[in-house]
């Protein structure tokens, strides 16, 4: 048996995908900054120096990063609770 709430499911999928794309773009930008530092010689090609550079950028979470993370978490919670409530209302096994 299916719950058959396609529009609601599509909305959750698209919203979650938007959050994941925003997080991926942000992580890629930070990784490219570290790679540019390595290529320019500002950061040594040493695992300890790379780890230090990554930790510098890791803590600089922007408002967009935080909002995207909250968006993904909220969609996950909403989707889980919604699916449970709808299935319970249909008396699915």
N, C-alpha and C. Protein backbone atom coordinates (compact mmCIF):
# COMPACT_ATOMS: atom_id res chain seq x y z
N UNK A 1 0.83 -1.17 0.00
CA UNK A 1 0.00 0.00 0.00
C UNK A 1 0.89 1.25 0.00
N UNK A 2 0.49 2.22 -0.74
CA UNK A 2 1.21 3.49 -0.81
C UNK A 2 0.41 4.59 -0.14
N UNK A 3 1.10 5.56 0.38
CA UNK A 3 0.43 6.69 1.02
C UNK A 3 -0.12 7.65 -0.03
N UNK A 4 0.53 7.72 -1.18
CA UNK A 4 0.08 8.50 -2.35
C UNK A 4 -0.06 9.99 -2.06
N UNK A 5 0.95 10.57 -1.49
CA UNK A 5 1.01 12.01 -1.27
C UNK A 5 2.18 12.54 -2.10
N UNK A 6 2.03 12.52 -3.42
CA UNK A 6 3.13 12.82 -4.33
C UNK A 6 3.58 14.27 -4.25
N UNK A 7 2.66 15.20 -4.20
CA UNK A 7 3.03 16.63 -4.16
C UNK A 7 3.81 16.94 -2.87
N UNK A 8 3.33 16.43 -1.76
CA UNK A 8 4.01 16.66 -0.48
C UNK A 8 5.39 16.02 -0.48
N UNK A 9 5.47 14.82 -1.00
CA UNK A 9 6.76 14.14 -1.08
C UNK A 9 7.74 14.87 -1.99
N UNK A 10 7.24 15.37 -3.11
CA UNK A 10 8.09 16.12 -4.04
C UNK A 10 8.58 17.41 -3.40
N UNK A 11 7.72 18.07 -2.65
CA UNK A 11 8.12 19.29 -1.96
C UNK A 11 9.23 19.02 -0.95
N UNK A 12 9.11 17.95 -0.21
CA UNK A 12 10.14 17.58 0.77
C UNK A 12 11.44 17.23 0.06
N UNK A 13 11.35 16.49 -1.04
CA UNK A 13 12.54 16.09 -1.79
C UNK A 13 13.25 17.32 -2.36
N UNK A 14 12.50 18.22 -2.97
CA UNK A 14 13.11 19.41 -3.58
C UNK A 14 13.72 20.33 -2.52
N UNK A 15 13.04 20.49 -1.40
CA UNK A 15 13.56 21.35 -0.34
C UNK A 15 14.84 20.76 0.25
N UNK A 16 14.83 19.46 0.49
CA UNK A 16 16.03 18.80 1.01
C UNK A 16 17.17 18.88 0.00
N UNK A 17 16.86 18.70 -1.27
CA UNK A 17 17.88 18.77 -2.31
C UNK A 17 18.51 20.17 -2.36
N UNK A 18 17.70 21.21 -2.20
CA UNK A 18 18.21 22.56 -2.17
C UNK A 18 19.20 22.74 -1.02
N UNK A 19 18.85 22.25 0.15
CA UNK A 19 19.76 22.34 1.30
C UNK A 19 21.05 21.59 1.08
N UNK A 20 20.96 20.40 0.50
CA UNK A 20 22.15 19.60 0.24
C UNK A 20 23.04 20.28 -0.80
N UNK A 21 22.44 20.86 -1.82
CA UNK A 21 23.22 21.58 -2.84
C UNK A 21 23.94 22.78 -2.21
N UNK A 22 23.25 23.52 -1.37
CA UNK A 22 23.89 24.67 -0.71
C UNK A 22 25.06 24.23 0.16
N UNK A 23 24.90 23.14 0.89
CA UNK A 23 25.99 22.64 1.72
C UNK A 23 27.16 22.14 0.88
N UNK A 24 26.86 21.48 -0.24
CA UNK A 24 27.90 20.97 -1.12
C UNK A 24 28.69 22.11 -1.76
N UNK A 25 28.00 23.13 -2.21
CA UNK A 25 28.67 24.28 -2.81
C UNK A 25 29.58 24.96 -1.78
N UNK A 26 29.10 25.12 -0.57
CA UNK A 26 29.90 25.75 0.47
C UNK A 26 31.15 24.92 0.79
N UNK A 27 30.99 23.61 0.92
CA UNK A 27 32.14 22.75 1.20
C UNK A 27 33.14 22.76 0.06
N UNK A 28 32.64 22.80 -1.17
CA UNK A 28 33.53 22.83 -2.33
C UNK A 28 34.31 24.14 -2.38
N UNK A 29 33.66 25.24 -2.08
CA UNK A 29 34.35 26.53 -2.05
C UNK A 29 35.47 26.53 -1.01
N UNK A 30 35.18 25.99 0.16
CA UNK A 30 36.21 25.94 1.21
C UNK A 30 37.37 25.03 0.80
N UNK A 31 37.06 23.91 0.16
CA UNK A 31 38.12 23.01 -0.30
C UNK A 31 38.97 23.67 -1.38
N UNK A 32 38.34 24.43 -2.25
CA UNK A 32 39.09 25.12 -3.29
C UNK A 32 39.99 26.20 -2.71
N UNK A 33 39.55 26.85 -1.64
CA UNK A 33 40.42 27.83 -0.98
C UNK A 33 41.67 27.16 -0.41
N UNK A 34 41.50 26.00 0.18
CA UNK A 34 42.65 25.26 0.71
C UNK A 34 43.56 24.83 -0.43
N UNK A 35 42.99 24.35 -1.53
CA UNK A 35 43.81 23.93 -2.67
C UNK A 35 44.56 25.10 -3.29
N UNK A 36 43.92 26.26 -3.37
CA UNK A 36 44.61 27.44 -3.88
C UNK A 36 45.79 27.81 -2.99
N UNK A 37 45.60 27.68 -1.69
CA UNK A 37 46.70 27.95 -0.76
C UNK A 37 47.85 26.98 -0.94
N UNK A 38 47.54 25.73 -1.21
CA UNK A 38 48.58 24.73 -1.44
C UNK A 38 49.31 25.03 -2.75
N UNK A 39 48.55 25.35 -3.79
CA UNK A 39 49.16 25.63 -5.09
C UNK A 39 50.00 26.90 -5.08
N UNK A 40 49.60 27.89 -4.31
CA UNK A 40 50.35 29.14 -4.26
C UNK A 40 51.53 29.06 -3.31
N UNK A 41 51.61 28.05 -2.50
CA UNK A 41 52.72 27.88 -1.58
C UNK A 41 52.46 28.46 -0.20
N UNK A 42 51.30 29.02 0.03
CA UNK A 42 50.97 29.57 1.34
C UNK A 42 50.75 28.46 2.37
N UNK A 43 50.30 27.33 1.90
CA UNK A 43 50.07 26.17 2.77
C UNK A 43 50.99 25.06 2.30
N UNK A 44 51.76 24.50 3.22
CA UNK A 44 52.67 23.41 2.85
C UNK A 44 51.87 22.16 2.52
N UNK A 45 52.43 21.34 1.63
CA UNK A 45 51.77 20.09 1.24
C UNK A 45 52.05 19.03 2.30
N UNK A 46 51.76 19.37 3.51
CA UNK A 46 51.99 18.52 4.67
C UNK A 46 50.63 18.25 5.31
N UNK A 47 50.36 17.02 5.70
CA UNK A 47 49.04 16.71 6.28
C UNK A 47 48.68 17.58 7.49
N UNK A 48 49.65 17.92 8.32
CA UNK A 48 49.36 18.74 9.49
C UNK A 48 48.99 20.17 9.08
N UNK A 49 49.69 20.72 8.09
CA UNK A 49 49.39 22.08 7.62
C UNK A 49 48.03 22.11 6.92
N UNK A 50 47.74 21.08 6.17
CA UNK A 50 46.45 21.01 5.47
C UNK A 50 45.32 20.89 6.50
N UNK A 51 45.53 20.07 7.52
CA UNK A 51 44.51 19.91 8.57
C UNK A 51 44.28 21.24 9.30
N UNK A 52 45.35 22.00 9.54
CA UNK A 52 45.20 23.30 10.19
C UNK A 52 44.43 24.26 9.31
N UNK A 53 44.71 24.25 8.00
CA UNK A 53 44.00 25.14 7.08
C UNK A 53 42.52 24.76 6.99
N UNK A 54 42.25 23.48 6.96
CA UNK A 54 40.85 23.02 6.90
C UNK A 54 40.10 23.43 8.16
N UNK A 55 40.74 23.30 9.30
CA UNK A 55 40.07 23.66 10.55
C UNK A 55 39.81 25.16 10.63
N UNK A 56 40.66 25.97 9.97
CA UNK A 56 40.41 27.42 9.92
C UNK A 56 39.12 27.71 9.18
N UNK A 57 38.92 27.05 8.04
CA UNK A 57 37.72 27.28 7.24
C UNK A 57 36.51 26.53 7.79
N UNK A 58 36.77 25.45 8.50
CA UNK A 58 35.67 24.61 9.01
C UNK A 58 34.83 25.36 10.03
N UNK A 59 35.44 26.19 10.82
CA UNK A 59 34.73 26.91 11.85
C UNK A 59 34.00 28.14 11.34
N UNK A 60 34.23 28.49 10.09
CA UNK A 60 33.64 29.72 9.57
C UNK A 60 32.31 29.42 8.87
N UNK A 61 31.39 28.84 9.61
CA UNK A 61 30.08 28.54 9.05
C UNK A 61 29.28 29.81 8.85
N UNK A 62 28.82 30.01 7.65
CA UNK A 62 28.06 31.21 7.36
C UNK A 62 26.60 31.00 7.73
N UNK A 63 25.85 32.06 7.63
CA UNK A 63 24.42 31.98 7.91
C UNK A 63 23.73 31.04 6.92
N UNK A 64 24.19 31.05 5.67
CA UNK A 64 23.61 30.16 4.65
C UNK A 64 23.89 28.70 4.99
N UNK A 65 25.12 28.41 5.44
CA UNK A 65 25.46 27.04 5.83
C UNK A 65 24.57 26.56 6.96
N UNK A 66 24.43 27.39 7.96
CA UNK A 66 23.61 27.01 9.12
C UNK A 66 22.14 26.86 8.73
N UNK A 67 21.65 27.77 7.89
CA UNK A 67 20.26 27.69 7.46
C UNK A 67 20.03 26.44 6.62
N UNK A 68 20.98 26.10 5.75
CA UNK A 68 20.84 24.90 4.91
C UNK A 68 20.83 23.64 5.77
N UNK A 69 21.68 23.60 6.78
CA UNK A 69 21.72 22.44 7.67
C UNK A 69 20.41 22.30 8.45
N UNK A 70 19.90 23.41 8.93
CA UNK A 70 18.62 23.39 9.65
C UNK A 70 17.49 22.97 8.71
N UNK A 71 17.54 23.46 7.47
CA UNK A 71 16.53 23.10 6.48
C UNK A 71 16.51 21.60 6.21
N UNK A 72 17.68 21.01 6.02
CA UNK A 72 17.76 19.57 5.76
C UNK A 72 17.25 18.79 6.98
N UNK A 73 17.66 19.19 8.17
CA UNK A 73 17.22 18.50 9.38
C UNK A 73 15.71 18.64 9.57
N UNK A 74 15.18 19.83 9.32
CA UNK A 74 13.74 20.04 9.48
C UNK A 74 12.94 19.21 8.48
N UNK A 75 13.43 19.13 7.24
CA UNK A 75 12.75 18.32 6.23
C UNK A 75 12.78 16.84 6.61
N UNK A 76 13.89 16.40 7.16
CA UNK A 76 14.00 15.00 7.57
C UNK A 76 12.99 14.70 8.70
N UNK A 77 12.94 15.57 9.68
CA UNK A 77 12.01 15.36 10.80
C UNK A 77 10.56 15.43 10.30
N UNK A 78 10.26 16.46 9.49
CA UNK A 78 8.90 16.60 8.99
C UNK A 78 8.49 15.40 8.13
N UNK A 79 9.37 14.96 7.26
CA UNK A 79 9.05 13.82 6.39
C UNK A 79 8.82 12.55 7.18
N UNK A 80 9.64 12.33 8.20
CA UNK A 80 9.50 11.13 9.02
C UNK A 80 8.20 11.15 9.82
N UNK A 81 7.93 12.25 10.47
CA UNK A 81 6.71 12.37 11.28
C UNK A 81 5.47 12.32 10.39
N UNK A 82 5.52 13.00 9.25
CA UNK A 82 4.39 13.01 8.35
C UNK A 82 4.09 11.61 7.80
N UNK A 83 5.11 10.90 7.40
CA UNK A 83 4.91 9.55 6.88
C UNK A 83 4.34 8.63 7.96
N UNK A 84 4.85 8.76 9.18
CA UNK A 84 4.35 7.94 10.27
C UNK A 84 2.87 8.24 10.55
N UNK A 85 2.53 9.53 10.62
CA UNK A 85 1.15 9.90 10.94
C UNK A 85 0.19 9.46 9.83
N UNK A 86 0.61 9.62 8.57
CA UNK A 86 -0.27 9.23 7.46
C UNK A 86 -0.44 7.72 7.40
N UNK A 87 0.64 7.00 7.61
CA UNK A 87 0.54 5.53 7.60
C UNK A 87 -0.30 5.05 8.78
N UNK A 88 -0.17 5.70 9.92
CA UNK A 88 -0.96 5.32 11.10
C UNK A 88 -2.45 5.60 10.85
N UNK A 89 -2.74 6.71 10.17
CA UNK A 89 -4.13 7.03 9.87
C UNK A 89 -4.74 6.04 8.88
N UNK A 90 -3.92 5.43 8.04
CA UNK A 90 -4.40 4.45 7.08
C UNK A 90 -4.43 3.05 7.65
N UNK A 91 -3.97 2.89 8.89
CA UNK A 91 -3.90 1.58 9.57
C UNK A 91 -3.09 0.57 8.76
N UNK A 92 -1.92 1.03 8.29
CA UNK A 92 -1.03 0.13 7.56
C UNK A 92 -0.29 -0.74 8.55
N UNK A 93 0.00 -1.98 8.15
CA UNK A 93 0.72 -2.87 9.08
C UNK A 93 2.15 -2.47 9.28
